[in-house]
Amino acid sequence: MIQDIFPSKLNNEYKNQEVKDEDYVLVFDENGKLYVGEDSGKMLLTTKNDVKTDKVIYLFSIDDENYFLCNEYVEINKEGFSYYTIRELRDRYSGKDIMAIFTAYHLWKWYADNVYCGKCAGKLEIDNKERALRCSCGNVIYPRINPAVIVGVIKGDSILITRYNRGYAHNALVAGFTEIGETLEETVKREVMEETGIEIKNIRYYKSQPWGMAQDILVGFYCEADGDCEINMDKDELKYAEWVKREDVVLQPNDLSLTNEMMKMFKEGKI
């Protein structure tokens, strides 16, 4: 999965530190596209030497490499570099580079969406001790993380495979966001019922995954179908929902997602 970068390690503790010439300084445009290049199939990122601004924010480090965010829109023209969406980069690269840009995008989105205070409309300031934005009125804003579930619904030797109406086009599982006042297990039951009309039982936790592209923390569960297993698909949400035998499960084109790992575990008879 995207976070599986061992032996490398993401260190996401906030630090108030100066940027050095060799540190990565990531440049996003106003639409969230990242400025990157490529050399022999490897993704290249901009450094402080490439980005002529002092308005940068420390994001995190991976091993001994520091990543900063360019905190203003700058004109930059580097040969072989261009702006790409995170989804485009997801389909081209893997390893710690993808983990880095997903996490960076998550933080860029938070900073970009929180320029002014929601209480008094004052300008928010970056805290120098923790990952927070502060207003003179006393309001403090912390990074947004959206909890969501991924659900592998099993019926004997089959699993419930879905495809979304919009966005990602490959095979997926039932998924959805947790609502206010709801447990994760209640989210699992509700989302399966809403999307497919299936009653479930024996809900059990599998794994979790950060998914910065949507500012999510994904929580994976398996469960069994209960009673009538006839699918009543929500056509506004899905274009496909079917019971699929283990040997017929078609996996996603890369191994970055929790969804793909859960489908793979079932396909290989490990669940």
Protein backbone atom coordinates (compact mmCIF):
# COMPACT_ATOMS: atom_id res chain seq x y z
CA MET A 1 0.00 0.00 0.00
CA ILE A 2 0.98 3.63 -0.36
CA GLN A 3 2.35 3.84 3.20
CA ASP A 4 4.47 0.69 2.85
CA ILE A 5 7.82 2.41 2.23
CA PHE A 6 10.04 0.35 4.56
CA PRO A 7 12.96 0.67 5.20
CA SER A 8 12.21 4.36 4.64
CA LYS A 9 10.17 6.14 7.31
CA LEU A 10 7.88 9.15 7.23
CA ASN A 11 8.52 11.60 10.08
CA ASN A 12 5.52 13.91 10.24
CA GLU A 13 6.29 15.77 13.47
CA TYR A 14 6.06 19.51 12.87
CA LYS A 15 9.37 21.39 13.09
CA ASN A 16 10.03 25.10 12.87
CA GLN A 17 13.20 24.89 10.83
CA GLU A 18 14.98 26.75 8.09
CA VAL A 19 14.98 25.42 4.55
CA LYS A 20 18.31 24.45 2.99
CA ASP A 21 19.28 24.60 -0.68
CA GLU A 22 19.07 20.81 -1.11
CA ASP A 23 15.68 20.45 0.61
CA TYR A 24 12.63 19.70 -1.51
CA VAL A 25 10.26 22.65 -1.94
CA LEU A 26 7.04 21.45 -3.54
CA VAL A 27 5.14 23.79 -5.83
CA PHE A 28 1.38 23.35 -6.31
CA ASP A 29 -0.70 25.50 -8.60
CA GLU A 30 -4.06 26.95 -7.54
CA ASN A 31 -5.82 23.75 -8.70
CA GLY A 32 -3.60 21.42 -6.68
CA LYS A 33 -1.40 20.24 -9.54
CA LEU A 34 2.20 19.52 -8.56
CA TYR A 35 5.23 20.70 -10.53
CA VAL A 36 7.42 17.64 -11.21
CA GLY A 37 9.89 16.25 -13.72
CA GLU A 38 11.15 12.80 -14.64
CA ASP A 39 14.50 11.14 -15.27
CA SER A 40 14.76 7.48 -16.36
CA GLY A 41 11.32 6.72 -14.92
CA LYS A 42 12.01 8.39 -11.57
CA MET A 43 9.97 11.37 -10.43
CA LEU A 44 11.96 14.57 -9.84
CA LEU A 45 10.88 17.25 -7.37
CA THR A 46 11.87 20.88 -7.10
CA THR A 47 14.35 22.01 -4.43
CA LYS A 48 15.04 25.34 -2.74
CA ASN A 49 17.56 26.05 -5.52
CA ASP A 50 14.71 25.91 -8.07
CA VAL A 51 12.10 27.93 -6.17
CA LYS A 52 12.94 31.59 -5.65
CA THR A 53 10.93 32.44 -2.57
CA ASP A 54 11.38 32.49 1.18
CA LYS A 55 7.70 31.77 1.82
CA VAL A 56 7.96 28.06 2.58
CA ILE A 57 6.46 25.78 5.25
CA TYR A 58 8.09 22.67 6.65
CA LEU A 59 5.92 19.62 5.89
CA PHE A 60 7.74 16.43 6.95
CA SER A 61 10.83 14.34 6.31
CA ILE A 62 11.37 10.89 4.85
CA ASP A 63 14.61 9.47 6.21
CA ASP A 64 17.08 12.38 5.95
CA GLU A 65 15.22 14.24 3.19
CA ASN A 66 13.19 17.30 4.17
CA TYR A 67 10.05 18.41 2.33
CA PHE A 68 8.74 21.97 2.36
CA LEU A 69 5.72 23.62 0.76
CA CYS A 70 6.00 26.74 -1.36
CA ASN A 71 3.42 28.95 0.34
CA GLU A 72 2.75 31.30 -2.56
CA TYR A 73 2.10 30.94 -6.26
CA VAL A 74 5.37 31.44 -8.13
CA GLU A 75 6.45 31.55 -11.74
CA ILE A 76 8.80 28.64 -12.38
CA ASN A 77 10.22 27.26 -15.59
CA LYS A 78 12.48 24.22 -15.35
CA GLU A 79 13.28 22.08 -18.36
CA GLY A 80 11.45 18.75 -18.37
CA PHE A 81 9.06 19.79 -15.59
CA SER A 82 5.32 20.32 -15.78
CA TYR A 83 2.21 20.40 -13.59
CA TYR A 84 0.35 17.12 -12.99
CA THR A 85 -2.64 16.13 -10.90
CA ILE A 86 -2.04 13.78 -7.99
CA ARG A 87 -4.21 11.20 -9.74
CA GLU A 88 -1.99 11.38 -12.83
CA LEU A 89 1.12 10.91 -10.71
CA ARG A 90 -0.50 8.04 -8.81
CA ASP A 91 -0.79 6.11 -12.06
CA ARG A 92 2.86 6.68 -13.00
CA TYR A 93 4.96 6.26 -9.84
CA SER A 94 5.24 4.26 -6.61
CA GLY A 95 7.31 3.95 -3.45
CA LYS A 96 8.22 6.74 -1.07
CA ASP A 97 7.83 9.40 -3.78
CA ILE A 98 4.10 8.74 -4.02
CA MET A 99 3.73 8.64 -0.23
CA ALA A 100 5.51 12.00 -0.10
CA ILE A 101 3.34 13.75 -2.68
CA PHE A 102 0.08 12.32 -1.30
CA THR A 103 0.98 13.60 2.17
CA ALA A 104 2.17 16.92 0.79
CA TYR A 105 -1.07 17.35 -1.16
CA HIS A 106 -3.09 16.67 2.00
CA LEU A 107 -1.26 19.48 3.79
CA TRP A 108 -1.31 21.85 0.79
CA LYS A 109 -5.09 21.43 0.58
CA TRP A 110 -5.47 22.24 4.26
CA TYR A 111 -3.31 25.36 4.06
CA ALA A 112 -5.00 26.50 0.82
CA ASP A 113 -8.50 26.06 2.28
CA ASN A 114 -7.73 27.86 5.53
CA VAL A 115 -6.43 31.34 4.81
CA TYR A 116 -9.02 33.27 6.85
CA CYS A 117 -10.67 32.58 10.19
CA GLY A 118 -14.15 31.06 10.08
CA LYS A 119 -15.16 32.99 13.24
CA CYS A 120 -13.98 36.54 12.61
CA ALA A 121 -12.63 36.49 9.03
CA GLY A 122 -9.20 37.57 10.26
CA LYS A 123 -6.03 36.35 8.52
CA LEU A 124 -4.79 33.05 9.97
CA GLU A 125 -1.15 32.78 11.02
CA ILE A 126 1.04 29.68 10.96
CA ASP A 127 1.85 28.44 14.45
CA ASN A 128 5.58 28.02 15.10
CA LYS A 129 5.27 25.22 17.66
CA GLU A 130 2.72 22.78 16.24
CA ARG A 131 0.86 21.97 13.02
CA ALA A 132 -1.85 24.56 13.48
CA LEU A 133 -3.21 27.86 12.19
CA ARG A 134 -4.06 30.55 14.72
CA CYS A 135 -6.18 33.68 14.64
CA SER A 136 -5.83 36.73 16.88
CA CYS A 137 -9.39 36.05 18.08
CA GLY A 138 -8.17 32.81 19.68
CA ASN A 139 -9.48 30.37 17.08
CA VAL A 140 -7.11 27.47 16.34
CA ILE A 141 -7.40 25.29 13.21
CA TYR A 142 -5.81 21.83 12.98
CA PRO A 143 -5.37 19.68 9.83
CA ARG A 144 -8.53 18.07 8.54
CA ILE A 145 -8.66 14.26 8.34
CA ASN A 146 -11.82 12.59 7.02
CA PRO A 147 -12.60 9.09 8.38
CA ALA A 148 -13.95 6.68 5.77
CA VAL A 149 -14.51 2.93 5.52
CA ILE A 150 -13.65 0.36 2.85
CA VAL A 151 -15.83 -2.76 3.06
CA GLY A 152 -15.19 -6.23 1.68
CA VAL A 153 -18.62 -7.90 1.76
CA ILE A 154 -18.28 -11.68 1.43
CA LYS A 155 -20.86 -14.26 0.37
CA GLY A 156 -19.32 -17.74 0.45
CA ASP A 157 -16.66 -17.80 -2.25
CA SER A 158 -17.65 -14.42 -3.72
CA ILE A 159 -17.00 -10.79 -2.83
CA LEU A 160 -19.08 -7.72 -3.64
CA ILE A 161 -17.22 -5.72 -6.31
CA THR A 162 -18.30 -2.19 -7.25
CA ARG A 163 -17.36 0.54 -9.71
CA TYR A 164 -18.10 4.22 -9.18
CA ASN A 165 -20.25 6.32 -11.47
CA ARG A 166 -17.67 9.10 -11.38
CA GLY A 167 -13.94 9.37 -10.76
CA TYR A 168 -11.91 6.19 -10.39
CA ALA A 169 -12.83 3.74 -13.13
CA HIS A 170 -11.37 0.44 -11.86
CA ASN A 171 -12.84 -2.22 -9.58
CA ALA A 172 -13.49 -1.15 -6.00
CA LEU A 173 -15.33 -2.17 -2.83
CA VAL A 174 -18.18 -0.51 -0.98
CA ALA A 175 -16.84 2.68 0.62
CA GLY A 176 -18.06 5.83 2.31
CA PHE A 177 -17.50 8.53 4.90
CA THR A 178 -18.39 8.33 8.58
CA GLU A 179 -21.22 10.64 9.60
CA ILE A 180 -21.39 12.68 12.82
CA GLY A 181 -22.40 10.56 15.82
CA GLU A 182 -21.68 7.29 14.01
CA THR A 183 -19.23 4.51 14.87
CA LEU A 184 -17.07 3.00 12.14
CA GLU A 185 -19.06 -0.24 12.37
CA GLU A 186 -22.31 1.67 11.94
CA THR A 187 -20.78 3.38 8.91
CA VAL A 188 -20.00 -0.05 7.43
CA LYS A 189 -23.60 -1.23 7.84
CA ARG A 190 -25.11 2.00 6.50
CA GLU A 191 -22.84 2.31 3.45
CA VAL A 192 -23.37 -1.30 2.38
CA MET A 193 -27.12 -0.91 2.71
CA GLU A 194 -27.22 2.47 0.94
CA GLU A 195 -25.03 1.42 -1.99
CA THR A 196 -26.19 -2.18 -2.50
CA GLY A 197 -29.21 -2.95 -0.31
CA ILE A 198 -27.39 -5.84 1.40
CA GLU A 199 -27.73 -6.68 5.11
CA ILE A 200 -24.42 -7.72 6.75
CA LYS A 201 -23.04 -9.42 9.86
CA ASN A 202 -19.70 -10.36 11.50
CA ILE A 203 -17.96 -7.03 10.87
CA ARG A 204 -14.23 -7.26 11.54
CA TYR A 205 -11.39 -4.78 11.22
CA TYR A 206 -8.61 -5.41 8.69
CA LYS A 207 -6.23 -2.43 8.27
CA SER A 208 -6.13 1.34 7.88
CA GLN A 209 -4.47 3.68 5.40
CA PRO A 210 -3.78 7.40 5.04
CA TRP A 211 -5.11 8.66 1.72
CA GLY A 212 -3.96 12.24 1.31
CA MET A 213 -5.44 12.64 -2.16
CA ALA A 214 -8.86 13.02 -0.50
CA GLN A 215 -7.66 14.05 3.00
CA ASP A 216 -8.87 10.69 4.32
CA ILE A 217 -7.95 8.04 6.82
CA LEU A 218 -9.35 4.84 5.31
CA VAL A 219 -10.38 2.00 7.61
CA GLY A 220 -10.84 -1.44 6.06
CA PHE A 221 -13.39 -4.02 7.25
CA TYR A 222 -14.55 -7.41 6.07
CA CYS A 223 -18.04 -8.74 6.79
CA GLU A 224 -20.52 -11.39 5.60
CA ALA A 225 -23.76 -10.89 3.73
CA ASP A 226 -26.80 -11.76 5.82
CA GLY A 227 -30.13 -13.04 4.51
CA ASP A 228 -31.30 -12.06 1.05
CA CYS A 229 -28.18 -11.30 -1.03
CA GLU A 230 -29.98 -9.69 -3.95
CA ILE A 231 -28.22 -6.47 -4.91
CA ASN A 232 -30.22 -3.26 -5.14
CA MET A 233 -27.59 -0.88 -6.49
CA ASP A 234 -27.62 2.87 -5.85
CA LYS A 235 -27.39 4.07 -9.45
CA ASP A 236 -26.51 7.61 -8.42
CA GLU A 237 -23.35 6.34 -6.70
CA LEU A 238 -22.41 3.22 -8.65
CA LYS A 239 -22.46 1.93 -12.21
CA TYR A 240 -21.60 -1.67 -11.24
CA ALA A 241 -22.17 -3.91 -8.21
CA GLU A 242 -21.90 -7.69 -8.53
CA TRP A 243 -20.92 -10.80 -6.59
CA VAL A 244 -17.59 -11.97 -8.07
CA LYS A 245 -15.87 -15.32 -7.48
CA ARG A 246 -12.34 -15.28 -6.03
CA GLU A 247 -10.68 -16.42 -9.23
CA ASP A 248 -12.57 -13.81 -11.29
CA VAL A 249 -11.65 -10.75 -9.23
CA VAL A 250 -9.78 -8.22 -11.40
CA LEU A 251 -7.38 -6.12 -9.34
CA GLN A 252 -6.53 -2.45 -9.76
CA PRO A 253 -3.53 -1.56 -11.98
CA ASN A 254 -1.25 -0.80 -9.01
CA ASP A 255 -0.90 -1.86 -5.38
CA LEU A 256 -1.19 1.55 -3.69
CA SER A 257 -4.68 1.30 -2.22
CA LEU A 258 -6.18 -0.49 0.76
CA THR A 259 -9.07 -1.44 -1.52
CA ASN A 260 -6.77 -3.30 -3.89
CA GLU A 261 -5.01 -5.14 -1.05
CA MET A 262 -8.33 -6.25 0.40
CA MET A 263 -9.48 -7.57 -2.99
CA LYS A 264 -6.13 -9.30 -3.46
CA MET A 265 -6.29 -10.96 -0.03
CA PHE A 266 -9.69 -12.40 -0.87
CA LYS A 267 -8.67 -13.42 -4.39
CA GLU A 268 -5.67 -15.34 -3.01
CA GLY A 269 -7.79 -17.15 -0.41
CA LYS A 270 -6.15 -15.41 2.56
CA ILE A 271 -9.50 -14.10 3.81
